[in-house]
C-alpha atoms as a PDB file:
ATOM      1  CA  MET A   1     295.677  35.503  -5.038  1.00  0.00           C
ATOM      2  CA  SER A   2     295.239  39.157  -5.912  1.00  0.00           C
ATOM      3  CA  PHE A   3     297.054  40.777  -8.825  1.00  0.00           C
ATOM      4  CA  THR A   4     295.254  44.132  -8.737  1.00  0.00           C
ATOM      5  CA  ARG A   5     298.281  46.351  -9.375  1.00  0.00           C
ATOM      6  CA  LEU A   6     299.794  44.022 -11.939  1.00  0.00           C
ATOM      7  CA  GLN A   7     296.423  43.737 -13.684  1.00  0.00           C
ATOM      8  CA  THR A   8     296.576  47.421 -14.574  1.00  0.00           C
ATOM      9  CA  THR A   9     299.996  47.155 -16.195  1.00  0.00           C
ATOM     10  CA  ASP A  10     300.081  43.637 -17.624  1.00  0.00           C
ATOM     11  CA  PRO A  11     296.724  41.842 -17.801  1.00  0.00           C
ATOM     12  CA  ASP A  12     298.139  39.095 -20.035  1.00  0.00           C
ATOM     13  CA  LEU A  13     300.729  38.203 -17.403  1.00  0.00           C
ATOM     14  CA  VAL A  14     298.014  38.097 -14.743  1.00  0.00           C
ATOM     15  CA  ARG A  15     296.050  35.658 -16.909  1.00  0.00           C
ATOM     16  CA  LEU A  16     299.147  33.469 -17.321  1.00  0.00           C
ATOM     17  CA  LEU A  17     299.790  33.491 -13.579  1.00  0.00           C
ATOM     18  CA  ARG A  18     296.198  32.647 -12.715  1.00  0.00           C
ATOM     19  CA  GLU A  19     296.269  29.703 -15.130  1.00  0.00           C
ATOM     20  CA  SER A  20     299.593  28.388 -13.815  1.00  0.00           C
ATOM     21  CA  ALA A  21     300.090  25.356 -11.600  1.00  0.00           C
ATOM     22  CA  PRO A  22     301.510  25.853  -8.083  1.00  0.00           C
ATOM     23  CA  GLU A  23     304.920  24.501  -9.152  1.00  0.00           C
ATOM     24  CA  ALA A  24     305.071  27.019 -12.000  1.00  0.00           C
ATOM     25  CA  LEU A  25     304.155  29.834  -9.602  1.00  0.00           C
ATOM     26  CA  ARG A  26     306.940  28.703  -7.248  1.00  0.00           C
ATOM     27  CA  ARG A  27     309.396  28.898 -10.172  1.00  0.00           C
ATOM     28  CA  VAL A  28     308.140  32.409 -10.935  1.00  0.00           C
ATOM     29  CA  ALA A  29     308.538  33.454  -7.296  1.00  0.00           C
ATOM     30  CA  TYR A  30     312.043  32.025  -7.212  1.00  0.00           C
ATOM     31  CA  SER A  31     313.077  33.620 -10.523  1.00  0.00           C
ATOM     32  CA  VAL A  32     311.693  37.037  -9.643  1.00  0.00           C
ATOM     33  CA  ALA A  33     313.182  36.964  -6.134  1.00  0.00           C
ATOM     34  CA  ARG A  34     316.582  35.828  -7.426  1.00  0.00           C
ATOM     35  CA  ALA A  35     316.615  38.474 -10.166  1.00  0.00           C
ATOM     36  CA  CYS A  36     315.622  41.213  -7.730  1.00  0.00           C
ATOM     37  CA  LEU A  37     318.322  40.195  -5.275  1.00  0.00           C
ATOM     38  CA  GLU A  38     320.907  40.124  -8.064  1.00  0.00           C
ATOM     39  CA  CYS A  39     319.712  43.474  -9.389  1.00  0.00           C
ATOM     40  CA  VAL A  40     319.816  45.331  -6.102  1.00  0.00           C
ATOM     41  CA  GLY A  41     322.638  43.359  -4.515  1.00  0.00           C
ATOM     42  CA  LEU A  42     321.142  43.087  -1.048  1.00  0.00           C
ATOM     43  CA  PRO A  43     323.810  41.288   0.989  1.00  0.00           C
ATOM     44  CA  TYR A  44     321.502  39.770   3.596  1.00  0.00           C
ATOM     45  CA  VAL A  45     322.047  36.128   4.567  1.00  0.00           C
ATOM     46  CA  ILE A  46     318.381  35.884   5.564  1.00  0.00           C
ATOM     47  CA  LEU A  47     317.378  36.606   1.965  1.00  0.00           C
ATOM     48  CA  THR A  48     319.740  33.976   0.614  1.00  0.00           C
ATOM     49  CA  SER A  49     318.216  31.474   3.044  1.00  0.00           C
ATOM     50  CA  ALA A  50     314.690  32.467   2.045  1.00  0.00           C
ATOM     51  CA  LEU A  51     315.584  32.170  -1.634  1.00  0.00           C
ATOM     52  CA  ALA A  52     316.932  28.659  -1.053  1.00  0.00           C
ATOM     53  CA  ARG A  53     313.673  27.741   0.679  1.00  0.00           C
ATOM     54  CA  ILE A  54     311.625  29.009  -2.257  1.00  0.00           C
ATOM     55  CA  HIS A  55     313.817  27.046  -4.650  1.00  0.00           C
ATOM     56  CA  ASP A  56     313.485  23.854  -2.590  1.00  0.00           C
ATOM     57  CA  GLY A  57     309.755  24.324  -2.056  1.00  0.00           C
ATOM     58  CA  SER A  58     310.078  24.161   1.717  1.00  0.00           C
ATOM     59  CA  ALA A  59     307.641  26.176   3.780  1.00  0.00           C
ATOM     60  CA  GLU A  60     309.270  26.587   7.164  1.00  0.00           C
ATOM     61  CA  ASP A  61     308.158  29.595   9.179  1.00  0.00           C
ATOM     62  CA  ASP A  62     311.316  30.235  11.201  1.00  0.00           C
ATOM     63  CA  LEU A  63     312.476  32.990   8.844  1.00  0.00           C
ATOM     64  CA  ASP A  64     309.185  34.896   8.817  1.00  0.00           C
ATOM     65  CA  ASP A  65     309.913  37.312  11.672  1.00  0.00           C
ATOM     66  CA  GLN A  66     313.412  38.078  10.437  1.00  0.00           C
ATOM     67  CA  ILE A  67     312.171  38.685   6.909  1.00  0.00           C
ATOM     68  CA  SER A  68     309.305  40.856   8.185  1.00  0.00           C
ATOM     69  CA  ASP A  69     311.760  42.998  10.140  1.00  0.00           C
ATOM     70  CA  LEU A  70     314.013  43.335   7.112  1.00  0.00           C
ATOM     71  CA  VAL A  71     311.065  44.194   4.852  1.00  0.00           C
ATOM     72  CA  ALA A  72     309.972  46.905   7.293  1.00  0.00           C
ATOM     73  CA  GLU A  73     313.464  48.388   7.308  1.00  0.00           C
ATOM     74  CA  LEU A  74     313.792  48.255   3.527  1.00  0.00           C
ATOM     75  CA  ASP A  75     310.326  49.769   3.158  1.00  0.00           C
ATOM     76  CA  ARG A  76     311.357  52.655   5.393  1.00  0.00           C
ATOM     77  CA  ARG A  77     314.499  53.164   3.310  1.00  0.00           C
ATOM     78  CA  THR A  78     312.501  52.970   0.081  1.00  0.00           C
ATOM     79  CA  TRP A  79     310.222  55.789   1.221  1.00  0.00           C
ATOM     80  CA  GLU A  80     313.310  57.846   2.088  1.00  0.00           C
ATOM     81  CA  ILE A  81     314.630  57.258  -1.436  1.00  0.00           C
ATOM     82  CA  GLN A  82     311.239  58.157  -2.920  1.00  0.00           C
ATOM     83  CA  ASP A  83     311.308  61.403  -0.990  1.00  0.00           C
ATOM     84  CA  ARG A  84     314.750  62.108  -2.467  1.00  0.00           C
ATOM     85  CA  VAL A  85     313.514  61.275  -5.992  1.00  0.00           C
ATOM     86  CA  GLU A  86     310.592  63.642  -5.592  1.00  0.00           C
ATOM     87  CA  ALA A  87     312.962  66.323  -4.317  1.00  0.00           C
ATOM     88  CA  GLY A  88     315.086  65.832  -7.459  1.00  0.00           C
ATOM     89  CA  ILE A  89     318.208  64.653  -5.641  1.00  0.00           C
ATOM     90  CA  ALA A  90     318.022  60.959  -6.656  1.00  0.00           C
ATOM     91  CA  THR A  91     316.850  58.841  -9.598  1.00  0.00           C
ATOM     92  CA  GLN A  92     314.668  55.769  -9.680  1.00  0.00           C
ATOM     93  CA  ASP A  93     315.395  52.582 -11.664  1.00  0.00           C
ATOM     94  CA  ILE A  94     312.729  49.852 -11.586  1.00  0.00           C
ATOM     95  CA  PRO A  95     313.561  46.308 -12.870  1.00  0.00           C
ATOM     96  CA  LEU A  96     311.309  44.586 -15.396  1.00  0.00           C
ATOM     97  CA  VAL A  97     309.707  42.038 -13.073  1.00  0.00           C
ATOM     98  CA  GLY A  98     307.068  41.067 -15.650  1.00  0.00           C
ATOM     99  CA  ALA A  99     309.709  39.931 -18.138  1.00  0.00           C
ATOM    100  CA  ILE A 100     311.376  37.818 -15.456  1.00  0.00           C
ATOM    101  CA  ALA A 101     308.064  36.192 -14.525  1.00  0.00           C
ATOM    102  CA  ARG A 102     307.301  35.397 -18.183  1.00  0.00           C
ATOM    103  CA  GLN A 103     310.734  33.826 -18.611  1.00  0.00           C
ATOM    104  CA  ALA A 104     310.185  31.637 -15.537  1.00  0.00           C
ATOM    105  CA  LEU A 105     306.863  30.498 -16.975  1.00  0.00           C
ATOM    106  CA  GLY A 106     308.494  29.758 -20.303  1.00  0.00           C
ATOM    107  CA  LYS A 107     306.243  32.346 -21.977  1.00  0.00           C
ATOM    108  CA  ALA A 108     308.890  34.906 -22.903  1.00  0.00           C
END
């Protein structure tokens, strides 16, 4: 598992993640995903289903294509927003994902 970008901003969190058991990493993934969905309020049933799968620890692949399509669409929209931020006609607010991950690991 690569944490290259996170390593530059929070090397201690990367160390904690690398030392964590798979079940702890699943809890982190679930907590971060849930917090992000709550923060941005994405009303997509596919994301709710995927979140339930992460929580339950199931690894079914039937959602992969739908999630990939949604990610591609959201990525396109994100770049549009970034263009607006750079043009000075929008602002950017980034959630504190590291704090959420630490809380899920019980290392807050």
